Amino acid sequence: MIHTSELDRFTAKFAQCHTESLRVTFNLRPNSRIVNYDPIHLDGLLARAIVEIVTEGRLLADNKDGYWIPLPLKMLWQSEGGYPLWAASVLYPVADTVDDIYVRHKRNSEGFLHSKKKLITKCGPWMERRLPTPVQVCEVYEARCIGNQELVAGLLKIFTHIGKLRLGRLDGITVEPSTYSERDIVERENVLIKPVPALAKMTPRLRNPSLIGWTPPHWKPSLFASGWRVGTKMDALADIGFFADMPEAL
């Protein structure tokens, strides 16, 4: 775990902040698309916002270890290495959706831009490509979390787009109080809406774990751990011991 003085100073105010159950609504402009490979993690967005603000857009140097980036969220669990499991779900659609294919084109221009007068574009390094990418078209997404309303809303203000390739153009973000319990942050309609590491022992009856990204940044392979990914069905579970003593609502 890597600590930096800049991040520690900026996030010091998060330690004692008030937290409550929140609903975060992302309104997208018409015809916006979300690349449908992996879900968008709310805690990942907040961590990215903090890094953008602290480094003024320069970001952080890549490293095998992760950086300590406190968030204005409740921590559900912390690993032995100090990595946090935040009380925040992924973004999920709450309006009509359409699955589509977005095709990216790679083309090469001839002429003064290249040392060669004639490019071979049917094969080799200059070959033109068409890259089909699965996308989801939807105008409203939601996420759930337990955090500080003012701080969460303030951090999310920096985003104009969400998702890969900047295809999801935002029209506005609303952060409002809700009545979600900690269980509701993890699952929705008997399906996981948050990746859960096996060592957290939150879902002891689930079987067949796989390597997942569960803490920001979720894309970093060196931070992967055995667990259950978003979308895992929980219908077969009679009960979940981790939530046995937790209230249904905050």
Protein backbone atom coordinates (compact mmCIF):
# COMPACT_ATOMS: atom_id res chain seq x y z
CA MET A 1 0.00 0.00 0.00
CA ILE A 2 1.47 3.33 -1.11
CA HIS A 3 0.80 6.57 0.78
CA THR A 4 1.38 10.03 -0.69
CA SER A 5 1.31 13.26 1.29
CA GLU A 6 -0.89 14.98 -1.30
CA LEU A 7 -3.57 12.30 -1.17
CA ASP A 8 -3.41 12.09 2.63
CA ARG A 9 -3.90 15.84 3.00
CA PHE A 10 -6.81 16.00 0.57
CA THR A 11 -8.64 13.01 2.06
CA ALA A 12 -8.02 13.81 5.75
CA LYS A 13 -11.48 15.40 6.00
CA PHE A 14 -13.13 12.10 5.01
CA ALA A 15 -12.11 10.28 8.20
CA GLN A 16 -14.82 11.74 10.45
CA CYS A 17 -17.45 12.67 7.85
CA HIS A 18 -21.08 11.76 8.40
CA THR A 19 -22.36 8.91 6.22
CA GLU A 20 -25.86 7.88 5.25
CA SER A 21 -27.58 5.72 2.69
CA LEU A 22 -27.56 7.41 -0.73
CA ARG A 23 -29.00 6.90 -4.20
CA VAL A 24 -26.86 8.28 -7.03
CA THR A 25 -28.65 8.84 -10.34
CA PHE A 26 -26.72 9.38 -13.58
CA ASN A 27 -28.75 11.00 -16.36
CA LEU A 28 -27.21 10.56 -19.82
CA ARG A 29 -27.86 12.55 -22.94
CA PRO A 30 -29.97 10.89 -25.65
CA ASN A 31 -28.15 8.27 -27.74
CA SER A 32 -25.27 8.03 -25.27
CA ARG A 33 -23.72 4.60 -24.93
CA ILE A 34 -21.96 2.67 -22.19
CA VAL A 35 -19.37 0.11 -23.28
CA ASN A 36 -20.76 -3.16 -21.98
CA TYR A 37 -17.60 -5.14 -21.15
CA ASP A 38 -17.45 -4.39 -17.41
CA PRO A 39 -19.77 -2.47 -15.08
CA ILE A 40 -18.87 1.01 -13.87
CA HIS A 41 -17.98 1.08 -10.16
CA LEU A 42 -19.14 4.08 -8.14
CA ASP A 43 -16.18 3.83 -5.76
CA GLY A 44 -13.91 3.65 -8.80
CA LEU A 45 -15.37 6.91 -10.12
CA LEU A 46 -14.86 8.62 -6.76
CA ALA A 47 -11.25 7.39 -6.51
CA ARG A 48 -10.57 8.62 -10.05
CA ALA A 49 -12.07 12.02 -9.20
CA ILE A 50 -9.79 12.38 -6.16
CA VAL A 51 -6.71 11.46 -8.18
CA GLU A 52 -7.67 13.89 -10.97
CA ILE A 53 -8.14 16.74 -8.49
CA VAL A 54 -5.03 16.07 -6.39
CA THR A 55 -2.67 15.57 -9.35
CA GLU A 56 -4.34 18.24 -11.53
CA GLY A 57 -4.89 15.66 -14.26
CA ARG A 58 -1.39 14.15 -14.21
CA LEU A 59 -2.63 10.96 -12.49
CA LEU A 60 -0.40 8.62 -10.47
CA ALA A 61 2.60 6.55 -11.52
CA ASP A 62 1.69 2.92 -12.14
CA ASN A 63 2.88 0.51 -9.49
CA LYS A 64 2.28 -3.11 -8.55
CA ASP A 65 0.90 -1.97 -5.18
CA GLY A 66 -2.20 0.17 -4.91
CA TYR A 67 -2.39 3.70 -3.49
CA TRP A 68 -4.21 4.50 -0.26
CA ILE A 69 -7.13 6.66 -1.45
CA PRO A 70 -9.72 7.17 1.31
CA LEU A 71 -13.23 7.85 0.04
CA PRO A 72 -16.19 9.63 1.69
CA LEU A 73 -17.87 6.22 2.05
CA LYS A 74 -18.37 3.64 4.75
CA MET A 75 -15.84 0.80 4.70
CA LEU A 76 -17.44 -2.65 4.79
CA TRP A 77 -14.19 -4.59 5.17
CA GLN A 78 -10.42 -4.19 4.88
CA SER A 79 -7.92 -6.80 3.74
CA GLU A 80 -4.71 -7.69 5.56
CA GLY A 81 -2.84 -5.57 3.02
CA GLY A 82 -4.98 -2.57 3.94
CA TYR A 83 -7.15 -2.51 0.81
CA PRO A 84 -10.73 -1.35 1.47
CA LEU A 85 -14.08 -2.75 0.41
CA TRP A 86 -16.26 0.35 0.15
CA ALA A 87 -20.03 0.49 0.60
CA ALA A 88 -20.79 1.39 -3.01
CA SER A 89 -22.40 -0.59 -5.83
CA VAL A 90 -21.85 -0.54 -9.56
CA LEU A 91 -24.03 1.53 -11.91
CA TYR A 92 -27.07 -0.36 -13.20
CA PRO A 93 -29.74 0.77 -15.71
CA VAL A 94 -33.16 1.85 -14.41
CA ALA A 95 -34.72 2.87 -17.73
CA ASP A 96 -35.35 1.12 -21.04
CA THR A 97 -32.18 -0.38 -22.47
CA VAL A 98 -31.07 -1.40 -25.96
CA ASP A 99 -28.01 -3.54 -26.67
CA ASP A 100 -26.06 -2.29 -29.65
CA ILE A 101 -22.67 -2.56 -31.38
CA TYR A 102 -20.40 0.46 -31.69
CA VAL A 103 -17.87 0.02 -34.49
CA ARG A 104 -14.53 1.79 -34.20
CA HIS A 105 -12.61 2.35 -37.42
CA LYS A 106 -8.83 2.46 -37.69
CA ARG A 107 -7.80 4.19 -40.89
CA ASN A 108 -4.45 5.47 -42.13
CA SER A 109 -3.86 8.61 -44.16
CA GLU A 110 -1.43 8.63 -47.03
CA GLY A 111 0.71 11.55 -48.12
CA PHE A 112 2.94 13.89 -46.16
CA LEU A 113 2.00 12.26 -42.82
CA HIS A 114 4.01 9.14 -43.72
CA SER A 115 7.46 8.39 -45.09
CA LYS A 116 5.90 5.97 -47.56
CA LYS A 117 3.99 7.35 -50.50
CA LYS A 118 1.76 4.28 -50.77
CA LEU A 119 0.51 2.37 -47.74
CA ILE A 120 -0.58 -1.25 -47.81
CA THR A 121 -3.82 -1.18 -45.82
CA LYS A 122 -5.02 -4.75 -46.44
CA CYS A 123 -2.40 -6.36 -44.19
CA GLY A 124 0.62 -5.57 -42.04
CA PRO A 125 1.16 -2.64 -39.64
CA TRP A 126 -0.94 -0.22 -41.74
CA MET A 127 -3.92 -2.56 -42.08
CA GLU A 128 -7.25 -0.82 -41.59
CA ARG A 129 -9.45 -2.35 -38.93
CA ARG A 130 -13.02 -2.25 -37.79
CA LEU A 131 -13.40 -3.03 -34.09
CA PRO A 132 -16.95 -3.94 -32.99
CA THR A 133 -17.61 -3.03 -29.35
CA PRO A 134 -20.72 -4.11 -27.40
CA VAL A 135 -22.55 -1.13 -25.88
CA GLN A 136 -25.73 -0.50 -23.94
CA VAL A 137 -27.98 2.44 -24.74
CA CYS A 138 -29.85 3.78 -21.71
CA GLU A 139 -30.59 7.28 -20.44
CA VAL A 140 -30.69 6.64 -16.67
CA TYR A 141 -28.35 4.64 -14.41
CA GLU A 142 -28.34 4.37 -10.63
CA ALA A 143 -25.86 3.33 -7.97
CA ARG A 144 -26.17 2.78 -4.22
CA CYS A 145 -23.77 3.72 -1.49
CA ILE A 146 -23.39 4.66 2.16
CA GLY A 147 -21.44 7.90 2.22
CA ASN A 148 -21.42 11.64 2.71
CA GLN A 149 -23.94 13.29 0.40
CA GLU A 150 -22.13 16.61 0.00
CA LEU A 151 -18.69 15.11 -0.57
CA VAL A 152 -19.89 12.43 -2.99
CA ALA A 153 -21.82 14.99 -5.04
CA GLY A 154 -18.86 17.37 -5.05
CA LEU A 155 -16.43 14.76 -6.36
CA LEU A 156 -18.77 13.55 -9.11
CA LYS A 157 -19.13 17.08 -10.50
CA ILE A 158 -15.85 16.76 -12.41
CA PHE A 159 -17.24 14.14 -14.79
CA THR A 160 -18.73 15.05 -18.15
CA HIS A 161 -18.59 11.47 -19.50
CA ILE A 162 -18.57 8.01 -17.93
CA GLY A 163 -17.51 4.62 -19.24
CA LYS A 164 -14.87 3.56 -21.73
CA LEU A 165 -14.23 5.56 -24.92
CA ARG A 166 -16.11 8.56 -23.45
CA LEU A 167 -19.34 7.46 -25.12
CA GLY A 168 -21.54 8.07 -22.08
CA ARG A 169 -22.23 11.83 -22.12
CA LEU A 170 -23.65 13.02 -18.83
CA ASP A 171 -26.61 15.35 -18.59
CA GLY A 172 -26.50 15.52 -14.78
CA ILE A 173 -25.89 13.57 -11.55
CA THR A 174 -28.23 13.56 -8.57
CA VAL A 175 -27.22 12.38 -5.09
CA GLU A 176 -30.09 11.98 -2.64
CA PRO A 177 -30.75 10.21 0.69
CA SER A 178 -32.32 6.76 0.56
CA THR A 179 -33.13 3.84 2.86
CA TYR A 180 -30.74 1.18 1.59
CA SER A 181 -29.26 -1.24 4.09
CA GLU A 182 -25.73 -2.60 3.79
CA ARG A 183 -27.22 -5.73 2.28
CA ASP A 184 -28.92 -3.59 -0.40
CA ILE A 185 -25.55 -2.09 -1.34
CA VAL A 186 -24.23 -5.57 -2.15
CA GLU A 187 -27.23 -7.21 -3.80
CA ARG A 188 -30.33 -6.22 -5.78
CA GLU A 189 -33.09 -8.65 -6.63
CA ASN A 190 -30.91 -11.60 -5.49
CA VAL A 191 -28.05 -10.60 -7.78
CA LEU A 192 -24.72 -9.12 -6.71
CA ILE A 193 -24.34 -5.45 -7.67
CA LYS A 194 -20.92 -5.24 -6.08
CA PRO A 195 -17.90 -7.54 -6.46
CA VAL A 196 -17.22 -9.36 -3.20
CA PRO A 197 -13.85 -10.96 -2.24
CA ALA A 198 -14.07 -14.42 -0.72
CA LEU A 199 -11.90 -13.45 2.28
CA ALA A 200 -14.51 -10.91 3.37
CA LYS A 201 -16.79 -13.86 4.22
CA MET A 202 -19.86 -11.88 3.23
CA THR A 203 -21.29 -14.66 1.06
CA PRO A 204 -20.02 -17.92 2.62
CA ARG A 205 -22.49 -20.16 0.77
CA LEU A 206 -21.53 -19.00 -2.73
CA ARG A 207 -19.36 -21.42 -4.65
CA ASN A 208 -16.91 -21.32 -7.56
CA PRO A 209 -15.16 -17.99 -6.98
CA SER A 210 -12.91 -16.49 -9.64
CA LEU A 211 -10.30 -13.73 -9.78
CA ILE A 212 -12.02 -10.36 -9.59
CA GLY A 213 -11.22 -6.69 -9.16
CA TRP A 214 -12.93 -5.59 -5.96
CA THR A 215 -11.17 -2.42 -4.79
CA PRO A 216 -10.18 0.72 -6.73
CA PRO A 217 -8.73 0.60 -9.28
CA HIS A 218 -10.79 -2.46 -10.23
CA TRP A 219 -8.90 -2.93 -13.50
CA LYS A 220 -5.50 -3.48 -11.84
CA PRO A 221 -4.54 -7.22 -12.06
CA SER A 222 -2.08 -7.08 -9.14
CA LEU A 223 -5.01 -6.23 -6.81
CA PHE A 224 -7.28 -9.04 -8.02
CA ALA A 225 -8.46 -11.58 -5.46
CA SER A 226 -10.64 -14.66 -5.38
CA GLY A 227 -14.31 -13.72 -5.10
CA TRP A 228 -17.59 -13.24 -6.92
CA ARG A 229 -18.21 -10.79 -9.73
CA VAL A 230 -21.17 -8.50 -10.32
CA GLY A 231 -24.15 -10.42 -11.69
CA THR A 232 -23.64 -13.56 -9.57
CA LYS A 233 -27.06 -14.97 -8.69
CA MET A 234 -27.81 -15.62 -5.04
CA ASP A 235 -31.11 -17.50 -5.38
CA ALA A 236 -29.63 -20.68 -3.92
CA LEU A 237 -28.70 -19.02 -0.63
CA ALA A 238 -30.98 -19.63 2.33
CA ASP A 239 -29.26 -16.95 4.37
CA ILE A 240 -26.09 -14.88 4.45
CA GLY A 241 -24.32 -14.94 7.78
CA PHE A 242 -22.52 -11.63 7.26
CA PHE A 243 -25.84 -9.75 7.24
CA ALA A 244 -27.58 -11.76 9.98
CA ASP A 245 -27.33 -9.03 12.60
CA MET A 246 -27.61 -6.03 10.30
CA PRO A 247 -30.70 -3.80 10.20
CA GLU A 248 -32.80 -3.83 7.06
CA ALA A 249 -32.53 -0.05 6.76
CA LEU A 250 -30.32 2.65 8.17
